Structures are given as structure tokens and as C-alpha cells.
Amino acid sequence: MSTIEKVKEEVSIQELLNNNNEIVLFNDDVNTFDHVIETLIRVCKHEALQAEQCAILVHYKGKCTVKTGSYDELEPQCTQLLEAGLSAEIQ
């Protein structure tokens, strides 16, 4: 294996390790669809359709992964979701 191939492999492995966390949003009986959608657009940078689909999944399935990435990237976003009154955690 060449040095370039070895570096590419190490980078690929590091990318996989850094992106193995996810923010899971849970259903509640408090927040409106509009609030959830607007919050996902603002905090997670979702497109409107993506945010709407997540809100529907949360409503009918009880939870939905709304963002994946490194813990350091997700932690402030999860905090913002919680501050907005949503129920979420990093898994």
C-alpha cells in the first residue's frame, strides 16, 4: 500500500469515527408542528420539506434522527433544540 493510499484510508476511517453520533428528536404533546419545523430549519439547517418530514416521523413513530455528525458539532445544536423546548438527545 502506498503512502497516499494509507493516508486516504486513515482519513476515511477518521471521517467514519467522527460522524457516528446522531441527534434524535422525540415526540411530545406540547410543541406544534410549526414550532418543530421552524426550529429544525433554524438549528439543524434543514430544508422546509426535510424538517416537515422529520416532524411527521416524530409524530407517528415517536422519534427521528434529525442530524448526524461528530459529537462536538452536534452538542451545540442539541442544546439549542432543548432550549427551544424540544425533546432531543445525542446518541
PDB file of N, CA and C in Angstrom:
ATOM      1  N   MET A   1       0.857  -1.180   0.000  1.00  0.00           N
ATOM      2  CA  MET A   1       0.000   0.000   0.000  1.00  0.00           C
ATOM      3  C   MET A   1       0.897   1.236   0.000  1.00  0.00           C
ATOM      4  N   SER A   2       0.602   2.155  -0.898  1.00  0.00           N
ATOM      5  CA  SER A   2       1.400   3.373  -0.975  1.00  0.00           C
ATOM      6  C   SER A   2       1.061   4.318   0.162  1.00  0.00           C
ATOM      7  N   THR A   3       1.926   5.291   0.365  1.00  0.00           N
ATOM      8  CA  THR A   3       1.705   6.290   1.407  1.00  0.00           C
ATOM      9  C   THR A   3       0.405   7.051   1.168  1.00  0.00           C
ATOM     10  N   ILE A   4       0.119   7.391  -0.078  1.00  0.00           N
ATOM     11  CA  ILE A   4      -1.112   8.134  -0.399  1.00  0.00           C
ATOM     12  C   ILE A   4      -2.340   7.286  -0.077  1.00  0.00           C
ATOM     13  N   GLU A   5      -2.304   5.999  -0.424  1.00  0.00           N
ATOM     14  CA  GLU A   5      -3.429   5.111  -0.124  1.00  0.00           C
ATOM     15  C   GLU A   5      -3.613   4.973   1.382  1.00  0.00           C
ATOM     16  N   LYS A   6      -2.514   4.902   2.117  1.00  0.00           N
ATOM     17  CA  LYS A   6      -2.571   4.764   3.563  1.00  0.00           C
ATOM     18  C   LYS A   6      -3.203   6.019   4.192  1.00  0.00           C
ATOM     19  N   VAL A   7      -2.815   7.190   3.725  1.00  0.00           N
ATOM     20  CA  VAL A   7      -3.373   8.443   4.240  1.00  0.00           C
ATOM     21  C   VAL A   7      -4.859   8.519   3.932  1.00  0.00           C
ATOM     22  N   LYS A   8      -5.257   8.148   2.710  1.00  0.00           N
ATOM     23  CA  LYS A   8      -6.673   8.160   2.336  1.00  0.00           C
ATOM     24  C   LYS A   8      -7.469   7.216   3.225  1.00  0.00           C
ATOM     25  N   GLU A   9      -6.921   6.045   3.508  1.00  0.00           N
ATOM     26  CA  GLU A   9      -7.603   5.088   4.360  1.00  0.00           C
ATOM     27  C   GLU A   9      -7.760   5.647   5.776  1.00  0.00           C
ATOM     28  N   GLU A  10      -6.708   6.265   6.305  1.00  0.00           N
ATOM     29  CA  GLU A  10      -6.773   6.845   7.648  1.00  0.00           C
ATOM     30  C   GLU A  10      -7.807   7.972   7.706  1.00  0.00           C
ATOM     31  N   VAL A  11      -7.866   8.789   6.664  1.00  0.00           N
ATOM     32  CA  VAL A  11      -8.846   9.873   6.618  1.00  0.00           C
ATOM     33  C   VAL A  11     -10.253   9.298   6.569  1.00  0.00           C
ATOM     34  N   SER A  12     -10.472   8.267   5.760  1.00  0.00           N
ATOM     35  CA  SER A  12     -11.791   7.646   5.660  1.00  0.00           C
ATOM     36  C   SER A  12     -12.233   7.072   6.997  1.00  0.00           C
ATOM     37  N   ILE A  13     -11.321   6.403   7.680  1.00  0.00           N
ATOM     38  CA  ILE A  13     -11.635   5.842   8.997  1.00  0.00           C
ATOM     39  C   ILE A  13     -11.945   6.961   9.973  1.00  0.00           C
ATOM     40  N   GLN A  14     -11.170   8.031   9.958  1.00  0.00           N
ATOM     41  CA  GLN A  14     -11.404   9.155  10.865  1.00  0.00           C
ATOM     42  C   GLN A  14     -12.757   9.798  10.587  1.00  0.00           C
ATOM     43  N   GLU A  15     -13.123   9.948   9.299  1.00  0.00           N
ATOM     44  CA  GLU A  15     -14.431  10.514   8.956  1.00  0.00           C
ATOM     45  C   GLU A  15     -15.553   9.646   9.513  1.00  0.00           C
ATOM     46  N   LEU A  16     -15.418   8.334   9.405  1.00  0.00           N
ATOM     47  CA  LEU A  16     -16.430   7.432   9.942  1.00  0.00           C
ATOM     48  C   LEU A  16     -16.528   7.561  11.459  1.00  0.00           C
ATOM     49  N   LEU A  17     -15.402   7.648  12.125  1.00  0.00           N
ATOM     50  CA  LEU A  17     -15.406   7.761  13.584  1.00  0.00           C
ATOM     51  C   LEU A  17     -16.016   9.078  14.043  1.00  0.00           C
ATOM     52  N   ASN A  18     -15.784  10.146  13.304  1.00  0.00           N
ATOM     53  CA  ASN A  18     -16.278  11.458  13.692  1.00  0.00           C
ATOM     54  C   ASN A  18     -17.772  11.634  13.422  1.00  0.00           C
ATOM     55  N   ASN A  19     -18.353  10.820  12.569  1.00  0.00           N
ATOM     56  CA  ASN A  19     -19.743  11.007  12.183  1.00  0.00           C
ATOM     57  C   ASN A  19     -20.653   9.902  12.708  1.00  0.00           C
ATOM     58  N   ASN A  20     -20.288   9.287  13.805  1.00  0.00           N
ATOM     59  CA  ASN A  20     -21.095   8.184  14.299  1.00  0.00           C
ATOM     60  C   ASN A  20     -22.083   8.602  15.388  1.00  0.00           C
ATOM     61  N   ASN A  21     -22.268   9.875  15.567  1.00  0.00           N
ATOM     62  CA  ASN A  21     -23.247  10.371  16.538  1.00  0.00           C
ATOM     63  C   ASN A  21     -24.447  10.925  15.795  1.00  0.00           C
ATOM     64  N   GLU A  22     -25.591  10.955  16.491  1.00  0.00           N
ATOM     65  CA  GLU A  22     -26.795  11.499  15.873  1.00  0.00           C
ATOM     66  C   GLU A  22     -27.662  12.179  16.919  1.00  0.00           C
ATOM     67  N   ILE A  23     -28.348  13.228  16.478  1.00  0.00           N
ATOM     68  CA  ILE A  23     -29.357  13.863  17.331  1.00  0.00           C
ATOM     69  C   ILE A  23     -30.677  13.182  17.034  1.00  0.00           C
ATOM     70  N   VAL A  24     -31.293  12.657  18.074  1.00  0.00           N
ATOM     71  CA  VAL A  24     -32.598  12.034  17.951  1.00  0.00           C
ATOM     72  C   VAL A  24     -33.622  12.962  18.599  1.00  0.00           C
ATOM     73  N   LEU A  25     -34.651  13.296  17.841  1.00  0.00           N
ATOM     74  CA  LEU A  25     -35.741  14.141  18.316  1.00  0.00           C
ATOM     75  C   LEU A  25     -36.895  13.238  18.715  1.00  0.00           C
ATOM     76  N   PHE A  26     -37.491  13.498  19.877  1.00  0.00           N
ATOM     77  CA  PHE A  26     -38.574  12.666  20.406  1.00  0.00           C
ATOM     78  C   PHE A  26     -39.901  13.420  20.381  1.00  0.00           C
ATOM     79  N   ASN A  27     -40.976  12.656  20.261  1.00  0.00           N
ATOM     80  CA  ASN A  27     -42.319  13.220  20.249  1.00  0.00           C
ATOM     81  C   ASN A  27     -42.694  13.750  21.636  1.00  0.00           C
ATOM     82  N   ASP A  28     -43.511  14.768  21.645  1.00  0.00           N
ATOM     83  CA  ASP A  28     -44.099  15.273  22.890  1.00  0.00           C
ATOM     84  C   ASP A  28     -45.501  15.773  22.586  1.00  0.00           C
ATOM     85  N   ASP A  29     -46.232  16.095  23.617  1.00  0.00           N
ATOM     86  CA  ASP A  29     -47.598  16.589  23.443  1.00  0.00           C
ATOM     87  C   ASP A  29     -47.679  18.097  23.607  1.00  0.00           C
ATOM     88  N   VAL A  30     -46.557  18.789  23.530  1.00  0.00           N
ATOM     89  CA  VAL A  30     -46.502  20.213  23.821  1.00  0.00           C
ATOM     90  C   VAL A  30     -46.280  21.058  22.570  1.00  0.00           C
ATOM     91  N   ASN A  31     -45.297  20.690  21.766  1.00  0.00           N
ATOM     92  CA  ASN A  31     -44.878  21.527  20.648  1.00  0.00           C
ATOM     93  C   ASN A  31     -45.729  21.311  19.402  1.00  0.00           C
ATOM     94  N   THR A  32     -45.974  22.393  18.683  1.00  0.00           N
ATOM     95  CA  THR A  32     -46.742  22.322  17.445  1.00  0.00           C
ATOM     96  C   THR A  32     -45.836  21.879  16.297  1.00  0.00           C
ATOM     97  N   PHE A  33     -46.456  21.399  15.238  1.00  0.00           N
ATOM     98  CA  PHE A  33     -45.694  21.042  14.048  1.00  0.00           C
ATOM     99  C   PHE A  33     -44.901  22.248  13.547  1.00  0.00           C
ATOM    100  N   ASP A  34     -45.546  23.400  13.516  1.00  0.00           N
ATOM    101  CA  ASP A  34     -44.878  24.610  13.016  1.00  0.00           C
ATOM    102  C   ASP A  34     -43.635  24.934  13.835  1.00  0.00           C
ATOM    103  N   HIS A  35     -43.739  24.835  15.160  1.00  0.00           N
ATOM    104  CA  HIS A  35     -42.585  25.135  16.017  1.00  0.00           C
ATOM    105  C   HIS A  35     -41.441  24.152  15.752  1.00  0.00           C
ATOM    106  N   VAL A  36     -41.768  22.865  15.656  1.00  0.00           N
ATOM    107  CA  VAL A  36     -40.747  21.850  15.405  1.00  0.00           C
ATOM    108  C   VAL A  36     -40.080  22.110  14.057  1.00  0.00           C
ATOM    109  N   ILE A  37     -40.872  22.358  13.027  1.00  0.00           N
ATOM    110  CA  ILE A  37     -40.344  22.596  11.683  1.00  0.00           C
ATOM    111  C   ILE A  37     -39.452  23.834  11.658  1.00  0.00           C
ATOM    112  N   GLU A  38     -39.942  24.929  12.230  1.00  0.00           N
ATOM    113  CA  GLU A  38     -39.159  26.171  12.246  1.00  0.00           C
ATOM    114  C   GLU A  38     -37.847  25.989  13.012  1.00  0.00           C
ATOM    115  N   THR A  39     -37.894  25.228  14.102  1.00  0.00           N
ATOM    116  CA  THR A  39     -36.687  25.006  14.907  1.00  0.00           C
ATOM    117  C   THR A  39     -35.678  24.143  14.157  1.00  0.00           C
ATOM    118  N   LEU A  40     -36.144  23.106  13.474  1.00  0.00           N
ATOM    119  CA  LEU A  40     -35.237  22.260  12.703  1.00  0.00           C
ATOM    120  C   LEU A  40     -34.591  23.038  11.562  1.00  0.00           C
ATOM    121  N   ILE A  41     -35.345  23.925  10.945  1.00  0.00           N
ATOM    122  CA  ILE A  41     -34.787  24.758   9.873  1.00  0.00           C
ATOM    123  C   ILE A  41     -33.715  25.687  10.437  1.00  0.00           C
ATOM    124  N   ARG A  42     -34.003  26.306  11.566  1.00  0.00           N
ATOM    125  CA  ARG A  42     -33.085  27.277  12.161  1.00  0.00           C
ATOM    126  C   ARG A  42     -31.845  26.605  12.751  1.00  0.00           C
ATOM    127  N   VAL A  43     -32.041  25.548  13.511  1.00  0.00           N
ATOM    128  CA  VAL A  43     -30.936  24.946  14.262  1.00  0.00           C
ATOM    129  C   VAL A  43     -30.154  23.927  13.433  1.00  0.00           C
ATOM    130  N   CYS A  44     -30.856  23.060  12.746  1.00  0.00           N
ATOM    131  CA  CYS A  44     -30.202  21.965  12.015  1.00  0.00           C
ATOM    132  C   CYS A  44     -29.980  22.277  10.541  1.00  0.00           C
ATOM    133  N   LYS A  45     -30.410  23.470  10.122  1.00  0.00           N
ATOM    134  CA  LYS A  45     -30.243  23.899   8.729  1.00  0.00           C
ATOM    135  C   LYS A  45     -30.961  22.975   7.739  1.00  0.00           C
ATOM    136  N   HIS A  46     -32.120  22.449   8.169  1.00  0.00           N
ATOM    137  CA  HIS A  46     -32.926  21.616   7.288  1.00  0.00           C
ATOM    138  C   HIS A  46     -33.613  22.478   6.242  1.00  0.00           C
ATOM    139  N   GLU A  47     -33.879  21.896   5.088  1.00  0.00           N
ATOM    140  CA  GLU A  47     -34.793  22.499   4.125  1.00  0.00           C
ATOM    141  C   GLU A  47     -36.199  22.315   4.686  1.00  0.00           C
ATOM    142  N   ALA A  48     -37.147  23.111   4.232  1.00  0.00           N
ATOM    143  CA  ALA A  48     -38.513  23.057   4.773  1.00  0.00           C
ATOM    144  C   ALA A  48     -39.115  21.653   4.651  1.00  0.00           C
ATOM    145  N   LEU A  49     -38.953  21.023   3.495  1.00  0.00           N
ATOM    146  CA  LEU A  49     -39.527  19.695   3.283  1.00  0.00           C
ATOM    147  C   LEU A  49     -38.894  18.666   4.219  1.00  0.00           C
ATOM    148  N   GLN A  50     -37.595  18.728   4.385  1.00  0.00           N
ATOM    149  CA  GLN A  50     -36.901  17.806   5.282  1.00  0.00           C
ATOM    150  C   GLN A  50     -37.389  17.987   6.716  1.00  0.00           C
ATOM    151  N   ALA A  51     -37.522  19.226   7.159  1.00  0.00           N
ATOM    152  CA  ALA A  51     -37.995  19.497   8.521  1.00  0.00           C
ATOM    153  C   ALA A  51     -39.422  18.991   8.711  1.00  0.00           C
ATOM    154  N   GLU A  52     -40.259  19.184   7.702  1.00  0.00           N
ATOM    155  CA  GLU A  52     -41.647  18.716   7.775  1.00  0.00           C
ATOM    156  C   GLU A  52     -41.693  17.187   7.860  1.00  0.00           C
ATOM    157  N   GLN A  53     -40.882  16.515   7.056  1.00  0.00           N
ATOM    158  CA  GLN A  53     -40.840  15.055   7.082  1.00  0.00           C
ATOM    159  C   GLN A  53     -40.369  14.536   8.433  1.00  0.00           C
ATOM    160  N   CYS A  54     -39.371  15.185   9.012  1.00  0.00           N
ATOM    161  CA  CYS A  54     -38.892  14.793  10.344  1.00  0.00           C
ATOM    162  C   CYS A  54     -39.991  14.969  11.388  1.00  0.00           C
ATOM    163  N   ALA A  55     -40.705  16.083  11.323  1.00  0.00           N
ATOM    164  CA  ALA A  55     -41.783  16.341  12.276  1.00  0.00           C
ATOM    165  C   ALA A  55     -42.871  15.271  12.166  1.00  0.00           C
ATOM    166  N   ILE A  56     -43.193  14.873  10.954  1.00  0.00           N
ATOM    167  CA  ILE A  56     -44.216  13.830  10.754  1.00  0.00           C
ATOM    168  C   ILE A  56     -43.722  12.490  11.301  1.00  0.00           C
ATOM    169  N   LEU A  57     -42.460  12.149  11.022  1.00  0.00           N
ATOM    170  CA  LEU A  57     -41.905  10.902  11.558  1.00  0.00           C
ATOM    171  C   LEU A  57     -41.907  10.892  13.078  1.00  0.00           C
ATOM    172  N   VAL A  58     -41.516  11.997  13.681  1.00  0.00           N
ATOM    173  CA  VAL A  58     -41.506  12.090  15.142  1.00  0.00           C
ATOM    174  C   VAL A  58     -42.914  11.891  15.681  1.00  0.00           C
ATOM    175  N   HIS A  59     -43.883  12.511  15.022  1.00  0.00           N
ATOM    176  CA  HIS A  59     -45.273  12.412  15.484  1.00  0.00           C
ATOM    177  C   HIS A  59     -45.794  10.973  15.416  1.00  0.00           C
ATOM    178  N   TYR A  60     -45.525  10.294  14.310  1.00  0.00           N
ATOM    179  CA  TYR A  60     -46.097   8.957  14.116  1.00  0.00           C
ATOM    180  C   TYR A  60     -45.227   7.819  14.631  1.00  0.00           C
ATOM    181  N   LYS A  61     -43.920   8.001  14.635  1.00  0.00           N
ATOM    182  CA  LYS A  61     -43.014   6.930  15.073  1.00  0.00           C
ATOM    183  C   LYS A  61     -42.472   7.145  16.483  1.00  0.00           C
ATOM    184  N   GLY A  62     -42.626   8.368  17.010  1.00  0.00           N
ATOM    185  CA  GLY A  62     -42.156   8.654  18.360  1.00  0.00           C
ATOM    186  C   GLY A  62     -40.776   9.265  18.433  1.00  0.00           C
ATOM    187  N   LYS A  63     -39.983   9.093  17.369  1.00  0.00           N
ATOM    188  CA  LYS A  63     -38.648   9.677  17.344  1.00  0.00           C
ATOM    189  C   LYS A  63     -38.125   9.670  15.914  1.00  0.00           C
ATOM    190  N   CYS A  64     -37.069  10.472  15.695  1.00  0.00           N
ATOM    191  CA  CYS A  64     -36.462  10.562  14.372  1.00  0.00           C
ATOM    192  C   CYS A  64     -35.061  11.134  14.520  1.00  0.00           C
ATOM    193  N   THR A  65     -34.109  10.566  13.793  1.00  0.00           N
ATOM    194  CA  THR A  65     -32.775  11.144  13.724  1.00  0.00           C
ATOM    195  C   THR A  65     -32.847  12.384  12.843  1.00  0.00           C
ATOM    196  N   VAL A  66     -32.442  13.528  13.389  1.00  0.00           N
ATOM    197  CA  VAL A  66     -32.547  14.781  12.644  1.00  0.00           C
ATOM    198  C   VAL A  66     -31.197  15.318  12.184  1.00  0.00           C
ATOM    199  N   LYS A  67     -30.107  14.764  12.722  1.00  0.00           N
ATOM    200  CA  LYS A  67     -28.778  15.256  12.326  1.00  0.00           C
ATOM    201  C   LYS A  67     -27.743  14.214  12.729  1.00  0.00           C
ATOM    202  N   THR A  68     -26.725  14.013  11.886  1.00  0.00           N
ATOM    203  CA  THR A  68     -25.611  13.140  12.219  1.00  0.00           C
ATOM    204  C   THR A  68     -24.313  13.932  12.091  1.00  0.00           C
ATOM    205  N   GLY A  69     -23.307  13.496  12.824  1.00  0.00           N
ATOM    206  CA  GLY A  69     -22.015  14.169  12.764  1.00  0.00           C
ATOM    207  C   GLY A  69     -21.195  13.874  13.992  1.00  0.00           C
ATOM    208  N   SER A  70     -20.168  14.659  14.174  1.00  0.00           N
ATOM    209  CA  SER A  70     -19.309  14.490  15.347  1.00  0.00           C
ATOM    210  C   SER A  70     -20.022  15.046  16.577  1.00  0.00           C
ATOM    211  N   TYR A  71     -19.648  14.523  17.726  1.00  0.00           N
ATOM    212  CA  TYR A  71     -20.270  14.988  18.966  1.00  0.00           C
ATOM    213  C   TYR A  71     -20.076  16.491  19.148  1.00  0.00           C
ATOM    214  N   ASP A  72     -18.872  16.966  18.868  1.00  0.00           N
ATOM    215  CA  ASP A  72     -18.580  18.393  19.046  1.00  0.00           C
ATOM    216  C   ASP A  72     -19.450  19.274  18.160  1.00  0.00           C
ATOM    217  N   GLU A  73     -19.782  18.793  16.971  1.00  0.00           N
ATOM    218  CA  GLU A  73     -20.648  19.539  16.063  1.00  0.00           C
ATOM    219  C   GLU A  73     -22.109  19.496  16.520  1.00  0.00           C
ATOM    220  N   LEU A  74     -22.524  18.345  17.038  1.00  0.00           N
ATOM    221  CA  LEU A  74     -23.935  18.147  17.389  1.00  0.00           C
ATOM    222  C   LEU A  74     -24.319  18.739  18.740  1.00  0.00           C
ATOM    223  N   GLU A  75     -23.384  18.802  19.660  1.00  0.00           N
ATOM    224  CA  GLU A  75     -23.710  19.229  21.031  1.00  0.00           C
ATOM    225  C   GLU A  75     -24.363  20.615  21.086  1.00  0.00           C
ATOM    226  N   PRO A  76     -23.820  21.632  20.421  1.00  0.00           N
ATOM    227  CA  PRO A  76     -24.490  22.935  20.485  1.00  0.00           C
ATOM    228  C   PRO A  76     -25.853  22.934  19.798  1.00  0.00           C
ATOM    229  N   GLN A  77     -26.004  22.130  18.750  1.00  0.00           N
ATOM    230  CA  GLN A  77     -27.298  22.061  18.077  1.00  0.00           C
ATOM    231  C   GLN A  77     -28.328  21.379  18.965  1.00  0.00           C
ATOM    232  N   CYS A  78     -27.938  20.310  19.630  1.00  0.00           N
ATOM    233  CA  CYS A  78     -28.851  19.619  20.539  1.00  0.00           C
ATOM    234  C   CYS A  78     -29.259  20.548  21.679  1.00  0.00           C
ATOM    235  N   THR A  79     -28.309  21.300  22.193  1.00  0.00           N
ATOM    236  CA  THR A  79     -28.604  22.264  23.261  1.00  0.00           C
ATOM    237  C   THR A  79     -29.634  23.292  22.789  1.00  0.00           C
ATOM    238  N   GLN A  80     -29.490  23.766  21.561  1.00  0.00           N
ATOM    239  CA  GLN A  80     -30.445  24.740  21.023  1.00  0.00           C
ATOM    240  C   GLN A  80     -31.836  24.127  20.864  1.00  0.00           C
ATOM    241  N   LEU A  81     -31.896  22.870  20.456  1.00  0.00           N
ATOM    242  CA  LEU A  81     -33.194  22.190  20.354  1.00  0.00           C
ATOM    243  C   LEU A  81     -33.843  22.091  21.723  1.00  0.00           C
ATOM    244  N   LEU A  82     -33.053  21.732  22.725  1.00  0.00           N
ATOM    245  CA  LEU A  82     -33.582  21.632  24.098  1.00  0.00           C
ATOM    246  C   LEU A  82     -34.034  22.997  24.608  1.00  0.00           C
ATOM    247  N   GLU A  83     -33.253  24.025  24.331  1.00  0.00           N
ATOM    248  CA  GLU A  83     -33.619  25.392  24.766  1.00  0.00           C
ATOM    249  C   GLU A  83     -34.898  25.865  24.085  1.00  0.00           C
ATOM    250  N   ALA A  84     -35.191  25.324  22.906  1.00  0.00           N
ATOM    251  CA  ALA A  84     -36.415  25.680  22.183  1.00  0.00           C
ATOM    252  C   ALA A  84     -37.611  24.866  22.691  1.00  0.00           C
ATOM    253  N   GLY A  85     -37.373  24.005  23.678  1.00  0.00           N
ATOM    254  CA  GLY A  85     -38.461  23.233  24.277  1.00  0.00           C
ATOM    255  C   GLY A  85     -38.695  21.878  23.642  1.00  0.00           C
ATOM    256  N   LEU A  86     -37.819  21.464  22.732  1.00  0.00           N
ATOM    257  CA  LEU A  86     -37.964  20.157  22.098  1.00  0.00           C
ATOM    258  C   LEU A  86     -37.265  19.107  22.957  1.00  0.00           C
ATOM    259  N   SER A  87     -37.637  17.857  22.740  1.00  0.00           N
ATOM    260  CA  SER A  87     -37.026  16.751  23.463  1.00  0.00           C
ATOM    261  C   SER A  87     -36.062  16.044  22.524  1.00  0.00           C
ATOM    262  N   ALA A  88     -34.763  16.140  22.802  1.00  0.00           N
ATOM    263  CA  ALA A  88     -33.748  15.573  21.926  1.00  0.00           C
ATOM    264  C   ALA A  88     -32.555  15.109  22.744  1.00  0.00           C
ATOM    265  N   GLU A  89     -31.814  14.185  22.163  1.00  0.00           N
ATOM    266  CA  GLU A  89     -30.564  13.751  22.788  1.00  0.00           C
ATOM    267  C   GLU A  89     -29.596  13.269  21.719  1.00  0.00           C
ATOM    268  N   ILE A  90     -28.324  13.282  22.078  1.00  0.00           N
ATOM    269  CA  ILE A  90     -27.284  12.762  21.194  1.00  0.00           C
ATOM    270  C   ILE A  90     -27.066  11.302  21.538  1.00  0.00           C
ATOM    271  N   GLN A  91     -27.082  10.491  20.511  1.00  0.00           N
ATOM    272  CA  GLN A  91     -26.857   9.042  20.716  1.00  0.00           C
ATOM    273  C   GLN A  91     -25.666   8.610  19.914  1.00  0.00           C
TER     274      GLN A  91
END
